Amino acid sequence: MAFALGIGVLPCARAGSATVRLATRPAREKVTLLLGAPPATMVAEERDLALSEGLTTLELSWGGTKLIADSVQLVPVDPASPLHIRGPLFPEDLPQRAQWEIEAPSAMRARLRLAYLMDGLSWEPEYTLALRPTGKLSLSAVAAVRNDTGEDFEGARIDLGLSAPATCDLDSGETLRIPYIEAPAVSAQRFYRHDASVANAETMARLNLRNALDAGLGKAPLPAGRVRLYEGDSGEGMFAGELRLPYTPVGAMAKVELGSAREISVERQVIVSRQVDAKMDVRGRLALWNQEEEVAFLVESQRAEDTVLRIAERIEGEWKMLSNSHEFEKIDAEHVEFIVPVPAHGKLTATYKVRRLNILP
């Protein structure tokens, strides 16, 4: 153990008080690591002490560890305990030590709770996401808990604040992986997006993952972390890359970028672009006009399943949609997204016709 709780006589004990030196250190009966509020970790441990009547001194030393001194607290587990505790005191000649005076009305056994903050305990989630052609997916996660405190924790109750705590040994310098999510049947919406307003843009795959019970999740927030992605129809499937899952509270939607989808190609073609409703100024010069444009998107999919493709398009200025082969959503004043169902191994053409209004030279 890198730091120890020792019991001894206080040099300046009050006259008339009985003080006792105990030769053995009280063993930890229970220790909990609360990792839910980084960067520091709350450590809470319980110890059984045999106290004599009168005054006893309790001393905590933490040399070689990352305990935060001004966070140390010591209280009886039983709120009705007759013990009187004064401290912590930090002797100037004893660095990295704290002392308490414990006064007991009679000889007794008492359980005390010692709590303190500690740097050097950290964790991060590691997700595994397996995509199936059916649209269902499986999501699992482990917490990679790292102990760089300089202190060993035996039989520690490790609480991430997300699921049931796990009880295990965690030695200094060790990284422990604790499973905390196993969701074998998660509903998610996978779709593809092509930004036609960007030259030579690739089609990108996206996943909308809702952290809710009716979607197969929803028991706890999903912390931000690395995701290993697999794709296939059996087992874990083929490794398809790594990505990041954003922090997702319960009930919220995570929009996960899956990367480029080269098997879906989109070619934008301008079929018609002409001036209409032209107006001249008093000198016969063109002063104002509307512009009619007809645009086609040639879409080809080499995927083995039907997909949904969203084609993003920018339409500058004021405009009015005259016709469109597929539904669209207006994202803002100058951006729309066409929603195009694409059959497996299929080809199709999506078109729209727009009139841009009140264009100036």
Protein backbone atom coordinates (compact mmCIF):
# COMPACT_ATOMS: atom_id res chain seq x y z
CA MET A 1 0.00 0.00 0.00
CA ALA A 2 1.43 3.38 -0.92
CA PHE A 3 -0.36 5.27 1.85
CA ALA A 4 -1.49 3.98 5.23
CA LEU A 5 -3.91 4.95 7.96
CA GLY A 6 -2.02 4.79 11.26
CA ILE A 7 -3.22 5.34 14.81
CA GLY A 8 -1.03 6.76 17.59
CA VAL A 9 -0.70 9.22 20.48
CA LEU A 10 -1.08 12.91 19.76
CA PRO A 11 1.95 14.71 21.27
CA CYS A 12 -0.16 17.58 22.63
CA ALA A 13 -3.08 15.56 24.01
CA ARG A 14 -5.28 17.38 26.52
CA ALA A 15 -4.57 16.66 30.19
CA GLY A 16 -6.90 14.11 31.78
CA SER A 17 -7.72 12.37 28.50
CA ALA A 18 -6.98 8.69 28.01
CA THR A 19 -4.97 8.06 24.88
CA VAL A 20 -4.09 4.70 23.37
CA ARG A 21 -1.51 3.64 20.79
CA LEU A 22 -2.67 0.79 18.60
CA ALA A 23 0.03 -1.36 17.05
CA THR A 24 -1.91 -2.42 13.96
CA ARG A 25 -3.42 -0.37 11.18
CA PRO A 26 -7.14 -0.81 10.58
CA ALA A 27 -7.79 -2.60 7.29
CA ARG A 28 -10.15 -1.22 4.71
CA GLU A 29 -13.55 -2.82 5.05
CA LYS A 30 -15.01 -1.13 2.00
CA VAL A 31 -13.66 1.22 -0.68
CA THR A 32 -15.61 2.93 -3.46
CA LEU A 33 -14.12 4.81 -6.42
CA LEU A 34 -16.57 7.38 -7.82
CA LEU A 35 -15.38 8.19 -11.36
CA GLY A 36 -18.50 9.99 -12.55
CA ALA A 37 -17.20 13.57 -12.18
CA PRO A 38 -13.71 13.95 -13.72
CA PRO A 39 -10.98 15.15 -13.56
CA ALA A 40 -10.57 14.13 -9.89
CA THR A 41 -12.06 10.92 -8.45
CA MET A 42 -13.84 10.67 -5.11
CA VAL A 43 -12.50 7.78 -3.04
CA ALA A 44 -14.70 6.70 -0.13
CA GLU A 45 -13.50 3.98 2.22
CA GLU A 46 -14.67 2.55 5.53
CA ARG A 47 -12.47 1.37 8.41
CA ASP A 48 -13.26 -0.38 11.71
CA LEU A 49 -11.39 0.98 14.72
CA ALA A 50 -11.14 -0.22 18.34
CA LEU A 51 -11.18 2.93 20.49
CA SER A 52 -10.48 3.33 24.20
CA GLU A 53 -12.23 5.82 26.40
CA GLY A 54 -10.84 9.31 25.94
CA LEU A 55 -8.71 10.76 23.19
CA THR A 56 -7.17 8.90 20.27
CA THR A 57 -5.23 10.32 17.36
CA LEU A 58 -5.76 9.11 13.82
CA GLU A 59 -3.06 9.86 11.27
CA LEU A 60 -3.25 9.61 7.49
CA SER A 61 -0.12 9.76 5.33
CA TRP A 62 -0.11 9.73 1.55
CA GLY A 63 3.47 10.04 0.40
CA GLY A 64 3.96 8.92 -3.21
CA THR A 65 0.27 9.23 -4.12
CA LYS A 66 -1.90 11.90 -5.79
CA LEU A 67 -4.33 12.50 -2.94
CA ILE A 68 -5.67 16.10 -2.83
CA ALA A 69 -4.93 17.13 0.76
CA ASP A 70 -7.65 19.75 1.34
CA SER A 71 -10.39 17.32 0.26
CA VAL A 72 -9.93 14.80 3.12
CA GLN A 73 -13.00 14.17 5.31
CA LEU A 74 -13.52 11.74 8.21
CA VAL A 75 -16.96 11.02 9.72
CA PRO A 76 -18.63 8.13 11.59
CA VAL A 77 -20.69 5.82 9.37
CA ASP A 78 -23.43 5.88 12.03
CA PRO A 79 -24.86 9.44 12.16
CA ALA A 80 -25.93 8.77 15.79
CA SER A 81 -22.39 7.90 16.86
CA PRO A 82 -21.29 9.53 20.19
CA LEU A 83 -17.78 10.17 18.82
CA HIS A 84 -16.43 13.71 18.68
CA ILE A 85 -13.95 14.22 15.81
CA ARG A 86 -11.75 17.29 15.38
CA GLY A 87 -9.68 17.81 12.26
CA PRO A 88 -8.10 17.34 9.90
CA LEU A 89 -4.96 19.01 11.21
CA PHE A 90 -1.90 19.34 8.96
CA PRO A 91 1.31 19.42 11.06
CA GLU A 92 3.91 21.70 9.48
CA ASP A 93 6.75 19.32 10.36
CA LEU A 94 4.94 16.29 8.88
CA PRO A 95 4.35 16.90 5.16
CA GLN A 96 1.73 14.81 3.34
CA ARG A 97 0.03 13.86 6.59
CA ALA A 98 -3.26 14.71 8.26
CA GLN A 99 -4.35 14.06 11.85
CA TRP A 100 -7.67 13.86 13.65
CA GLU A 101 -8.49 13.86 17.37
CA ILE A 102 -11.22 11.32 18.11
CA GLU A 103 -12.83 11.44 21.55
CA ALA A 104 -14.92 8.46 22.70
CA PRO A 105 -17.12 8.44 25.86
CA SER A 106 -16.18 4.80 26.50
CA ALA A 107 -14.21 1.93 25.02
CA MET A 108 -15.95 0.94 21.79
CA ARG A 109 -15.63 -0.23 18.22
CA ALA A 110 -16.51 2.31 15.58
CA ARG A 111 -16.71 2.33 11.80
CA LEU A 112 -15.45 5.52 10.17
CA ARG A 113 -15.84 6.74 6.62
CA LEU A 114 -12.78 8.39 5.07
CA ALA A 115 -13.38 10.30 1.82
CA TYR A 116 -10.96 12.26 -0.36
CA LEU A 117 -10.35 13.39 -3.92
CA MET A 118 -7.55 11.84 -5.91
CA ASP A 119 -5.91 12.69 -9.21
CA GLY A 120 -4.60 9.94 -11.45
CA LEU A 121 -7.76 7.85 -11.75
CA SER A 122 -9.37 8.15 -15.16
CA TRP A 123 -11.50 6.21 -17.58
CA GLU A 124 -12.71 6.39 -21.14
CA PRO A 125 -15.31 4.37 -23.05
CA GLU A 126 -14.40 1.96 -25.83
CA TYR A 127 -17.36 1.12 -28.07
CA THR A 128 -17.89 -1.70 -30.55
CA LEU A 129 -20.62 -1.11 -33.13
CA ALA A 130 -21.70 -3.88 -35.52
CA LEU A 131 -23.95 -2.89 -38.45
CA ARG A 132 -26.28 -5.43 -40.06
CA PRO A 133 -27.92 -5.27 -43.52
CA THR A 134 -31.31 -5.55 -41.74
CA GLY A 135 -30.80 -2.08 -40.27
CA LYS A 136 -30.39 -3.43 -36.73
CA LEU A 137 -27.09 -3.06 -34.96
CA SER A 138 -25.38 -4.23 -31.79
CA LEU A 139 -23.57 -1.86 -29.46
CA SER A 140 -21.24 -2.87 -26.64
CA ALA A 141 -18.94 -0.79 -24.47
CA VAL A 142 -16.21 -1.29 -21.92
CA ALA A 143 -14.76 1.32 -19.58
CA ALA A 144 -10.96 1.45 -19.72
CA VAL A 145 -10.14 2.50 -16.14
CA ARG A 146 -6.55 3.67 -15.59
CA ASN A 147 -4.91 3.93 -12.14
CA ASP A 148 -1.92 6.28 -11.99
CA THR A 149 -2.47 7.37 -8.37
CA GLY A 150 0.45 5.47 -6.81
CA GLU A 151 -2.06 3.56 -4.66
CA ASP A 152 -3.40 0.00 -4.99
CA PHE A 153 -7.12 -0.60 -4.42
CA GLU A 154 -8.13 -4.13 -3.42
CA GLY A 155 -11.75 -5.19 -3.79
CA ALA A 156 -12.74 -1.69 -4.87
CA ARG A 157 -16.30 -0.86 -5.83
CA ILE A 158 -15.81 1.07 -9.11
CA ASP A 159 -18.74 3.36 -9.88
CA LEU A 160 -18.78 5.07 -13.29
CA GLY A 161 -22.13 6.74 -12.63
CA LEU A 162 -23.65 4.92 -15.62
CA SER A 163 -24.49 1.35 -14.64
CA ALA A 164 -24.22 -1.05 -11.72
CA PRO A 165 -20.82 -0.68 -10.01
CA ALA A 166 -18.20 -3.41 -10.54
CA THR A 167 -16.07 -4.82 -7.72
CA CYS A 168 -12.46 -5.61 -8.60
CA ASP A 169 -8.82 -5.06 -7.69
CA LEU A 170 -7.15 -2.09 -9.33
CA ASP A 171 -3.39 -1.80 -8.82
CA SER A 172 -1.36 1.34 -9.45
CA GLY A 173 -0.15 1.45 -13.06
CA GLU A 174 -2.92 -0.91 -14.22
CA THR A 175 -5.61 -0.38 -16.85
CA LEU A 176 -8.75 -2.39 -16.18
CA ARG A 177 -11.51 -2.92 -18.76
CA ILE A 178 -15.00 -3.17 -17.30
CA PRO A 179 -18.01 -4.03 -19.56
CA TYR A 180 -20.96 -1.71 -18.94
CA ILE A 181 -23.12 -1.81 -22.11
CA GLU A 182 -24.34 -4.86 -24.01
CA ALA A 183 -27.16 -3.96 -26.41
CA PRO A 184 -27.59 -6.73 -29.03
CA ALA A 185 -30.58 -5.29 -30.93
CA VAL A 186 -30.51 -1.51 -31.38
CA SER A 187 -32.75 0.30 -33.84
CA ALA A 188 -30.99 3.01 -35.82
CA GLN A 189 -31.49 4.92 -39.06
CA ARG A 190 -28.64 4.65 -41.52
CA PHE A 191 -28.65 7.02 -44.47
CA TYR A 192 -26.30 8.60 -46.98
CA ARG A 193 -25.66 12.24 -47.76
CA HIS A 194 -24.12 13.89 -50.80
CA ASP A 195 -23.32 17.60 -50.77
CA ALA A 196 -23.88 18.63 -54.38
CA SER A 197 -22.85 22.22 -53.63
CA VAL A 198 -19.23 21.10 -53.13
CA ALA A 199 -17.19 20.17 -56.19
CA ASN A 200 -16.02 16.54 -56.32
CA ALA A 201 -17.67 15.75 -52.99
CA GLU A 202 -17.93 12.12 -51.89
CA THR A 203 -21.13 10.54 -50.63
CA MET A 204 -20.94 10.15 -46.85
CA ALA A 205 -22.60 7.51 -44.67
CA ARG A 206 -24.33 8.60 -41.45
CA LEU A 207 -26.10 6.89 -38.60
CA ASN A 208 -28.84 8.38 -36.43
CA LEU A 209 -28.66 6.56 -33.09
CA ARG A 210 -31.33 7.40 -30.51
CA ASN A 211 -30.46 6.75 -26.88
CA ALA A 212 -33.90 5.56 -25.80
CA LEU A 213 -35.44 2.40 -24.35
CA ASP A 214 -37.66 1.77 -27.36
CA ALA A 215 -34.53 1.84 -29.55
CA GLY A 216 -32.70 -0.73 -27.41
CA LEU A 217 -30.68 1.76 -25.32
CA GLY A 218 -31.77 4.57 -22.97
CA LYS A 219 -30.57 3.21 -19.62
CA ALA A 220 -27.80 5.80 -19.18
CA PRO A 221 -26.05 8.60 -21.08
CA LEU A 222 -23.51 7.58 -23.72
CA PRO A 223 -20.17 9.33 -23.02
CA ALA A 224 -18.16 10.55 -25.99
CA GLY A 225 -15.60 8.01 -27.11
CA ARG A 226 -13.91 5.95 -29.79
CA VAL A 227 -16.01 3.44 -31.73
CA ARG A 228 -14.68 0.44 -33.61
CA LEU A 229 -17.04 -0.23 -36.50
CA TYR A 230 -17.79 -3.65 -37.99
CA GLU A 231 -20.11 -4.43 -40.86
CA GLY A 232 -21.50 -7.77 -42.01
CA ASP A 233 -24.26 -10.33 -41.61
CA SER A 234 -22.60 -12.76 -39.19
CA GLY A 235 -20.49 -12.52 -36.04
CA GLU A 236 -18.76 -9.18 -35.63
CA GLY A 237 -18.37 -8.88 -39.39
CA MET A 238 -15.61 -7.08 -41.24
CA PHE A 239 -13.73 -4.23 -39.58
CA ALA A 240 -14.83 -1.02 -41.29
CA GLY A 241 -12.86 1.64 -39.42
CA GLU A 242 -12.92 3.83 -36.32
CA LEU A 243 -15.08 6.85 -35.57
CA ARG A 244 -16.20 9.04 -32.68
CA LEU A 245 -19.49 8.86 -30.82
CA PRO A 246 -20.53 12.28 -29.43
CA TYR A 247 -21.84 12.59 -25.87
CA THR A 248 -25.50 11.56 -26.01
CA PRO A 249 -27.89 12.06 -23.06
CA VAL A 250 -30.84 9.74 -22.50
CA GLY A 251 -33.55 10.59 -25.02
CA ALA A 252 -31.20 12.41 -27.40
CA MET A 253 -30.13 11.54 -30.94
CA ALA A 254 -26.50 10.89 -31.80
CA LYS A 255 -25.52 11.72 -35.38
CA VAL A 256 -22.56 9.49 -36.15
CA GLU A 257 -20.39 9.98 -39.22
CA LEU A 258 -19.53 6.55 -40.68
CA GLY A 259 -17.18 7.83 -43.38
CA SER A 260 -17.27 7.89 -47.17
CA ALA A 261 -19.53 5.57 -49.16
CA ARG A 262 -17.79 5.18 -52.51
CA GLU A 263 -20.34 2.58 -53.62
CA ILE A 264 -22.92 5.36 -54.08
CA SER A 265 -22.06 7.92 -56.77
CA VAL A 266 -23.85 11.15 -57.63
CA GLU A 267 -23.29 13.28 -60.74
CA ARG A 268 -24.86 16.74 -60.90
CA GLN A 269 -25.90 18.09 -64.32
CA VAL A 270 -27.44 21.46 -65.18
CA ILE A 271 -30.04 20.74 -67.88
CA VAL A 272 -31.41 24.27 -68.40
CA SER A 273 -30.32 27.69 -67.13
CA ARG A 274 -31.97 30.74 -68.67
CA GLN A 275 -32.97 34.32 -67.87
CA VAL A 276 -36.70 35.12 -67.70
CA ASP A 277 -38.78 38.20 -66.84
CA ALA A 278 -35.92 40.54 -67.67
CA LYS A 279 -36.36 44.23 -66.84
CA MET A 280 -34.39 47.10 -68.36
CA ASP A 281 -33.49 50.49 -66.96
CA VAL A 282 -34.18 53.81 -68.74
CA ARG A 283 -31.00 53.43 -70.79
CA GLY A 284 -32.02 50.00 -72.05
CA ARG A 285 -29.60 48.10 -69.89
CA LEU A 286 -30.47 44.87 -68.07
CA ALA A 287 -31.43 45.85 -64.50
CA LEU A 288 -33.28 42.88 -62.98
CA TRP A 289 -34.24 39.35 -63.98
CA ASN A 290 -35.26 35.91 -62.76
CA GLN A 291 -33.27 32.78 -63.51
CA GLU A 292 -34.85 29.42 -64.21
CA GLU A 293 -32.65 26.37 -63.64
CA GLU A 294 -33.34 22.70 -64.14
CA VAL A 295 -30.88 20.32 -62.45
CA ALA A 296 -30.53 16.53 -62.61
CA PHE A 297 -28.67 14.19 -60.25
CA LEU A 298 -27.55 10.88 -61.77
CA VAL A 299 -27.42 8.39 -58.89
CA GLU A 300 -25.92 4.90 -58.99
CA SER A 301 -25.70 2.46 -56.08
CA GLN A 302 -23.60 -0.67 -55.88
CA ARG A 303 -24.87 -1.57 -52.41
CA ALA A 304 -26.67 -4.88 -51.91
CA GLU A 305 -29.57 -3.28 -50.01
CA ASP A 306 -32.01 -0.42 -50.55
CA THR A 307 -30.77 2.88 -49.14
CA VAL A 308 -31.95 6.44 -48.51
CA LEU A 309 -29.81 9.21 -49.99
CA ARG A 310 -30.05 12.85 -48.97
CA ILE A 311 -28.73 15.23 -51.64
CA ALA A 312 -27.79 18.64 -50.26
CA GLU A 313 -28.07 21.58 -52.63
CA ARG A 314 -27.50 25.32 -52.25
CA ILE A 315 -29.86 27.72 -54.03
CA GLU A 316 -28.66 31.31 -53.73
CA GLY A 317 -30.89 34.30 -53.03
CA GLU A 318 -34.70 34.34 -53.20
CA TRP A 319 -36.18 31.34 -55.01
CA LYS A 320 -39.31 29.38 -55.77
CA MET A 321 -39.39 25.63 -56.42
CA LEU A 322 -41.33 24.95 -59.63
CA SER A 323 -41.10 21.15 -59.71
CA ASN A 324 -39.19 18.32 -58.06
CA SER A 325 -39.09 14.57 -58.61
CA HIS A 326 -38.43 13.81 -54.91
CA GLU A 327 -39.41 15.38 -51.62
CA PHE A 328 -37.07 17.90 -50.08
CA GLU A 329 -36.49 19.59 -46.73
CA LYS A 330 -35.65 23.27 -46.50
CA ILE A 331 -32.69 23.48 -44.12
CA ASP A 332 -32.38 27.29 -44.21
CA ALA A 333 -32.94 30.16 -46.66
CA GLU A 334 -30.35 28.88 -49.17
CA HIS A 335 -30.02 25.15 -48.45
CA VAL A 336 -32.28 22.20 -49.19
CA GLU A 337 -31.89 18.42 -48.97
CA PHE A 338 -33.67 16.09 -51.39
CA ILE A 339 -34.70 12.73 -49.93
CA VAL A 340 -34.06 10.04 -52.55
CA PRO A 341 -34.78 6.33 -51.98
CA VAL A 342 -32.23 4.29 -53.95
CA PRO A 343 -32.81 0.60 -54.78
CA ALA A 344 -30.09 -2.02 -54.34
CA HIS A 345 -27.71 -2.11 -57.32
CA GLY A 346 -29.91 0.57 -58.87
CA LYS A 347 -29.68 3.69 -61.01
CA LEU A 348 -32.04 6.64 -61.04
CA THR A 349 -32.28 10.32 -61.92
CA ALA A 350 -33.55 12.92 -59.46
CA THR A 351 -34.51 16.33 -60.85
CA TYR A 352 -35.75 19.70 -59.73
CA LYS A 353 -36.66 23.00 -61.40
CA VAL A 354 -36.29 26.29 -59.56
CA ARG A 355 -36.80 29.97 -60.29
CA ARG A 356 -34.31 32.30 -58.64
CA LEU A 357 -35.88 35.69 -58.15
CA ASN A 358 -34.83 39.34 -58.47
CA ILE A 359 -31.26 38.89 -59.60
CA LEU A 360 -29.20 42.03 -60.03
CA PRO A 361 -26.29 42.50 -62.47
